[in-house]
Amino acid sequence: MNIRKGDTVLVISGKYKGAKGKVLRAIPRENRVVVERVNLQKKHQRPTKDLPQGGIIEREGPIHRSAVMLVCPECSRPIRVGFKFMDGKKVRYCRKCGEAIDK
C-alpha cells in the first residue's frame, strides 16, 4: 500500500472531499485508512473503568484508500506515488517533483 501511518493525505471523493488530515492507521488487508477528523462516527459507550461517565463519543472510521491522495511534503500538492530503489532500499517518491518521501 502506498499510504502509511503518519502521512498527510487529501480526501478526493465522498462526504469529506477536500479535507486534509494525517493518517492515524492504515489497514492494508482491507485497503482502508483512518484519517484524522474524517468520517466521524458516533458510538454509544457504556460506562467502564476507563470511561466512567460513558455517553456518546465521536471517533474516526476507516475510508477506502482510493478516496485519498498523498500530499507531498516537499511540494505540498496531492500526488501519485512512485517507487524506486535508492541505496538498495525501495522508497516512495513524488511523481511531480521527484523528491523521495521516505528518507
N, C-alpha and C. Protein backbone atom coordinates (compact mmCIF):
# COMPACT_ATOMS: atom_id res chain seq x y z
N MET A 1 0.85 -1.18 0.00
CA MET A 1 0.00 0.00 0.00
C MET A 1 0.89 1.23 0.00
N ASN A 2 0.51 2.25 -0.78
CA ASN A 2 1.37 3.42 -0.91
C ASN A 2 1.11 4.51 0.11
N ILE A 3 0.17 4.29 1.02
CA ILE A 3 -0.11 5.26 2.09
C ILE A 3 0.18 4.59 3.42
N ARG A 4 0.90 5.30 4.28
CA ARG A 4 1.31 4.73 5.56
C ARG A 4 0.90 5.63 6.71
N LYS A 5 0.97 5.09 7.91
CA LYS A 5 0.64 5.83 9.12
C LYS A 5 1.55 7.06 9.23
N GLY A 6 0.96 8.20 9.54
CA GLY A 6 1.73 9.43 9.70
C GLY A 6 1.77 10.31 8.46
N ASP A 7 1.36 9.78 7.30
CA ASP A 7 1.32 10.58 6.06
C ASP A 7 0.20 11.59 6.12
N THR A 8 0.37 12.71 5.42
CA THR A 8 -0.70 13.68 5.26
C THR A 8 -1.39 13.38 3.94
N VAL A 9 -2.72 13.30 3.97
CA VAL A 9 -3.48 12.95 2.77
C VAL A 9 -4.60 13.95 2.53
N LEU A 10 -5.07 14.00 1.29
CA LEU A 10 -6.20 14.82 0.88
C LEU A 10 -7.31 13.89 0.44
N VAL A 11 -8.52 14.09 0.97
CA VAL A 11 -9.67 13.26 0.59
C VAL A 11 -10.18 13.79 -0.75
N ILE A 12 -10.29 12.90 -1.75
CA ILE A 12 -10.66 13.34 -3.10
C ILE A 12 -12.08 12.95 -3.50
N SER A 13 -12.78 12.17 -2.67
CA SER A 13 -14.16 11.83 -3.00
C SER A 13 -14.95 11.56 -1.73
N GLY A 14 -16.27 11.65 -1.87
CA GLY A 14 -17.15 11.36 -0.74
C GLY A 14 -17.56 12.59 0.03
N LYS A 15 -18.18 12.36 1.17
CA LYS A 15 -18.74 13.42 2.00
C LYS A 15 -17.68 14.40 2.50
N TYR A 16 -16.47 13.91 2.72
CA TYR A 16 -15.40 14.74 3.28
C TYR A 16 -14.42 15.22 2.21
N LYS A 17 -14.86 15.30 0.96
CA LYS A 17 -13.99 15.71 -0.14
C LYS A 17 -13.36 17.07 0.14
N GLY A 18 -12.04 17.17 -0.07
CA GLY A 18 -11.31 18.41 0.16
C GLY A 18 -10.66 18.51 1.51
N ALA A 19 -10.96 17.57 2.41
CA ALA A 19 -10.39 17.61 3.76
C ALA A 19 -8.96 17.05 3.75
N LYS A 20 -8.09 17.72 4.49
CA LYS A 20 -6.72 17.23 4.66
C LYS A 20 -6.57 16.71 6.07
N GLY A 21 -5.80 15.66 6.22
CA GLY A 21 -5.59 15.12 7.55
C GLY A 21 -4.44 14.13 7.57
N LYS A 22 -4.07 13.77 8.78
CA LYS A 22 -2.97 12.84 9.00
C LYS A 22 -3.55 11.43 9.12
N VAL A 23 -2.85 10.45 8.55
CA VAL A 23 -3.30 9.06 8.63
C VAL A 23 -2.98 8.53 10.02
N LEU A 24 -4.02 8.12 10.74
CA LEU A 24 -3.85 7.59 12.09
C LEU A 24 -3.55 6.09 12.06
N ARG A 25 -4.12 5.40 11.06
CA ARG A 25 -3.96 3.95 10.98
C ARG A 25 -4.17 3.51 9.54
N ALA A 26 -3.34 2.59 9.08
CA ALA A 26 -3.51 2.00 7.75
C ALA A 26 -3.89 0.54 7.92
N ILE A 27 -4.87 0.10 7.15
CA ILE A 27 -5.34 -1.29 7.22
C ILE A 27 -5.16 -1.90 5.83
N PRO A 28 -3.94 -2.41 5.52
CA PRO A 28 -3.65 -2.89 4.17
C PRO A 28 -4.51 -4.07 3.72
N ARG A 29 -4.87 -4.94 4.64
CA ARG A 29 -5.66 -6.14 4.28
C ARG A 29 -7.02 -5.74 3.71
N GLU A 30 -7.58 -4.64 4.20
CA GLU A 30 -8.89 -4.19 3.74
C GLU A 30 -8.81 -3.00 2.79
N ASN A 31 -7.59 -2.55 2.44
CA ASN A 31 -7.37 -1.38 1.58
C ASN A 31 -8.05 -0.13 2.14
N ARG A 32 -7.91 0.09 3.43
CA ARG A 32 -8.55 1.23 4.08
C ARG A 32 -7.57 1.99 4.95
N VAL A 33 -7.89 3.26 5.18
CA VAL A 33 -7.08 4.11 6.07
C VAL A 33 -8.01 4.88 6.99
N VAL A 34 -7.52 5.20 8.17
CA VAL A 34 -8.26 6.03 9.12
C VAL A 34 -7.56 7.39 9.14
N VAL A 35 -8.30 8.44 8.77
CA VAL A 35 -7.74 9.78 8.66
C VAL A 35 -8.31 10.66 9.77
N GLU A 36 -7.44 11.49 10.33
CA GLU A 36 -7.79 12.38 11.43
C GLU A 36 -8.95 13.32 11.04
N ARG A 37 -10.00 13.35 11.85
CA ARG A 37 -11.18 14.21 11.70
C ARG A 37 -11.95 13.98 10.38
N VAL A 38 -11.88 12.76 9.83
CA VAL A 38 -12.61 12.41 8.61
C VAL A 38 -13.44 11.16 8.89
N ASN A 39 -14.65 11.12 8.35
CA ASN A 39 -15.59 10.01 8.53
C ASN A 39 -15.89 9.77 10.01
N LEU A 40 -16.31 10.83 10.68
CA LEU A 40 -16.62 10.74 12.11
C LEU A 40 -17.89 9.93 12.32
N GLN A 41 -17.82 9.02 13.28
CA GLN A 41 -18.95 8.17 13.62
C GLN A 41 -19.24 8.29 15.11
N LYS A 42 -20.52 8.25 15.46
CA LYS A 42 -20.90 8.32 16.87
C LYS A 42 -21.02 6.91 17.43
N LYS A 43 -20.46 6.73 18.62
CA LYS A 43 -20.51 5.42 19.26
C LYS A 43 -21.09 5.59 20.65
N HIS A 44 -22.10 4.80 20.98
CA HIS A 44 -22.69 4.85 22.31
C HIS A 44 -21.85 3.99 23.24
N GLN A 45 -21.17 4.65 24.17
CA GLN A 45 -20.21 3.97 25.04
C GLN A 45 -20.82 3.74 26.41
N ARG A 46 -20.82 2.50 26.83
CA ARG A 46 -21.30 2.15 28.17
C ARG A 46 -20.23 2.56 29.18
N PRO A 47 -20.63 2.97 30.38
CA PRO A 47 -19.62 3.34 31.39
C PRO A 47 -18.71 2.16 31.74
N THR A 48 -17.40 2.44 31.74
CA THR A 48 -16.41 1.43 32.10
C THR A 48 -15.43 2.03 33.11
N LYS A 49 -14.46 1.26 33.51
CA LYS A 49 -13.45 1.77 34.43
C LYS A 49 -12.63 2.89 33.79
N ASP A 50 -12.34 2.74 32.48
CA ASP A 50 -11.56 3.75 31.77
C ASP A 50 -12.38 5.01 31.48
N LEU A 51 -13.66 4.85 31.16
CA LEU A 51 -14.54 5.96 30.82
C LEU A 51 -15.76 5.91 31.74
N PRO A 52 -15.63 6.40 32.99
CA PRO A 52 -16.70 6.20 33.98
C PRO A 52 -18.03 6.89 33.65
N GLN A 53 -18.00 8.00 32.87
CA GLN A 53 -19.27 8.68 32.59
C GLN A 53 -20.00 8.08 31.40
N GLY A 54 -19.30 7.31 30.52
CA GLY A 54 -19.97 6.73 29.35
C GLY A 54 -20.41 7.81 28.40
N GLY A 55 -21.52 7.60 27.69
CA GLY A 55 -22.08 8.61 26.80
C GLY A 55 -21.80 8.32 25.34
N ILE A 56 -22.03 9.33 24.51
CA ILE A 56 -21.84 9.21 23.07
C ILE A 56 -20.49 9.84 22.73
N ILE A 57 -19.62 9.04 22.13
CA ILE A 57 -18.31 9.55 21.74
C ILE A 57 -18.20 9.53 20.21
N GLU A 58 -17.39 10.46 19.67
CA GLU A 58 -17.15 10.50 18.24
C GLU A 58 -15.77 9.95 17.96
N ARG A 59 -15.67 9.14 16.91
CA ARG A 59 -14.36 8.62 16.52
C ARG A 59 -14.31 8.49 15.01
N GLU A 60 -13.10 8.42 14.49
CA GLU A 60 -12.90 8.32 13.05
C GLU A 60 -13.13 6.89 12.58
N GLY A 61 -13.78 6.76 11.43
CA GLY A 61 -13.97 5.45 10.83
C GLY A 61 -13.06 5.31 9.62
N PRO A 62 -12.84 4.09 9.17
CA PRO A 62 -11.96 3.89 8.01
C PRO A 62 -12.64 4.28 6.70
N ILE A 63 -11.83 4.77 5.74
CA ILE A 63 -12.31 5.05 4.39
C ILE A 63 -11.40 4.32 3.42
N HIS A 64 -11.89 4.10 2.22
CA HIS A 64 -11.11 3.35 1.22
C HIS A 64 -9.90 4.17 0.77
N ARG A 65 -8.80 3.47 0.51
CA ARG A 65 -7.57 4.17 0.15
C ARG A 65 -7.66 4.86 -1.21
N SER A 66 -8.60 4.44 -2.07
CA SER A 66 -8.75 5.09 -3.36
C SER A 66 -9.43 6.46 -3.23
N ALA A 67 -9.98 6.76 -2.05
CA ALA A 67 -10.65 8.04 -1.82
C ALA A 67 -9.69 9.10 -1.30
N VAL A 68 -8.40 8.75 -1.14
CA VAL A 68 -7.42 9.72 -0.64
C VAL A 68 -6.20 9.75 -1.54
N MET A 69 -5.53 10.92 -1.55
CA MET A 69 -4.26 11.06 -2.26
C MET A 69 -3.23 11.59 -1.28
N LEU A 70 -2.03 11.07 -1.41
CA LEU A 70 -0.92 11.50 -0.56
C LEU A 70 -0.53 12.93 -0.92
N VAL A 71 -0.24 13.76 0.09
CA VAL A 71 0.23 15.12 -0.13
C VAL A 71 1.75 15.10 0.04
N CYS A 72 2.45 15.58 -0.99
CA CYS A 72 3.92 15.59 -0.97
C CYS A 72 4.42 16.56 0.08
N PRO A 73 5.35 16.14 0.96
CA PRO A 73 5.87 17.06 1.98
C PRO A 73 6.74 18.17 1.39
N GLU A 74 7.29 17.96 0.19
CA GLU A 74 8.16 18.97 -0.43
C GLU A 74 7.36 20.01 -1.21
N CYS A 75 6.49 19.54 -2.14
CA CYS A 75 5.78 20.49 -3.00
C CYS A 75 4.36 20.78 -2.53
N SER A 76 3.90 20.14 -1.47
CA SER A 76 2.58 20.39 -0.84
C SER A 76 1.41 20.22 -1.80
N ARG A 77 1.52 19.31 -2.76
CA ARG A 77 0.43 19.04 -3.69
C ARG A 77 0.02 17.58 -3.59
N PRO A 78 -1.25 17.26 -3.88
CA PRO A 78 -1.65 15.85 -3.90
C PRO A 78 -0.95 15.16 -5.07
N ILE A 79 -0.40 13.98 -4.81
CA ILE A 79 0.44 13.32 -5.81
C ILE A 79 0.08 11.86 -5.99
N ARG A 80 0.56 11.31 -7.10
CA ARG A 80 0.59 9.86 -7.27
C ARG A 80 1.97 9.42 -6.83
N VAL A 81 2.03 8.29 -6.18
CA VAL A 81 3.28 7.82 -5.60
C VAL A 81 3.99 6.89 -6.58
N GLY A 82 5.30 7.07 -6.70
CA GLY A 82 6.12 6.16 -7.49
C GLY A 82 7.07 5.44 -6.55
N PHE A 83 7.62 4.34 -7.01
CA PHE A 83 8.59 3.59 -6.21
C PHE A 83 9.88 3.46 -6.99
N LYS A 84 11.01 3.60 -6.30
CA LYS A 84 12.30 3.34 -6.92
C LYS A 84 13.27 2.86 -5.85
N PHE A 85 14.36 2.28 -6.29
CA PHE A 85 15.36 1.76 -5.37
C PHE A 85 16.47 2.78 -5.19
N MET A 86 16.76 3.12 -3.93
CA MET A 86 17.85 4.03 -3.59
C MET A 86 18.68 3.37 -2.49
N ASP A 87 19.95 3.19 -2.75
CA ASP A 87 20.86 2.57 -1.79
C ASP A 87 20.38 1.18 -1.37
N GLY A 88 19.80 0.44 -2.30
CA GLY A 88 19.34 -0.91 -2.02
C GLY A 88 18.01 -1.00 -1.30
N LYS A 89 17.33 0.13 -1.06
CA LYS A 89 16.03 0.13 -0.40
C LYS A 89 14.97 0.66 -1.35
N LYS A 90 13.79 0.10 -1.26
CA LYS A 90 12.66 0.57 -2.06
C LYS A 90 12.04 1.75 -1.34
N VAL A 91 11.99 2.92 -1.99
CA VAL A 91 11.44 4.12 -1.37
C VAL A 91 10.35 4.70 -2.25
N ARG A 92 9.43 5.43 -1.60
CA ARG A 92 8.38 6.13 -2.33
C ARG A 92 8.91 7.49 -2.75
N TYR A 93 8.47 7.96 -3.92
CA TYR A 93 8.88 9.29 -4.35
C TYR A 93 7.71 10.01 -5.03
N CYS A 94 7.80 11.33 -5.04
CA CYS A 94 6.77 12.19 -5.64
C CYS A 94 6.91 12.13 -7.15
N ARG A 95 5.81 11.85 -7.84
CA ARG A 95 5.85 11.78 -9.30
C ARG A 95 5.85 13.17 -9.93
N LYS A 96 5.57 14.22 -9.15
CA LYS A 96 5.55 15.58 -9.70
C LYS A 96 6.90 16.27 -9.55
N CYS A 97 7.47 16.21 -8.33
CA CYS A 97 8.74 16.93 -8.11
C CYS A 97 9.95 16.00 -8.07
N GLY A 98 9.73 14.69 -7.96
CA GLY A 98 10.83 13.74 -7.98
C GLY A 98 11.53 13.52 -6.65
N GLU A 99 11.09 14.19 -5.59
CA GLU A 99 11.72 14.05 -4.28
C GLU A 99 11.28 12.76 -3.60
N ALA A 100 12.18 12.16 -2.83
CA ALA A 100 11.86 10.95 -2.07
C ALA A 100 10.99 11.32 -0.87
N ILE A 101 9.95 10.54 -0.63
CA ILE A 101 9.06 10.76 0.51
C ILE A 101 9.64 10.10 1.74
N ASP A 102 10.15 8.86 1.57
CA ASP A 102 10.78 8.14 2.67
C ASP A 102 12.27 8.46 2.65
N LYS A 103 12.74 9.11 3.67
CA LYS A 103 14.14 9.50 3.68
C LYS A 103 14.94 8.60 4.57
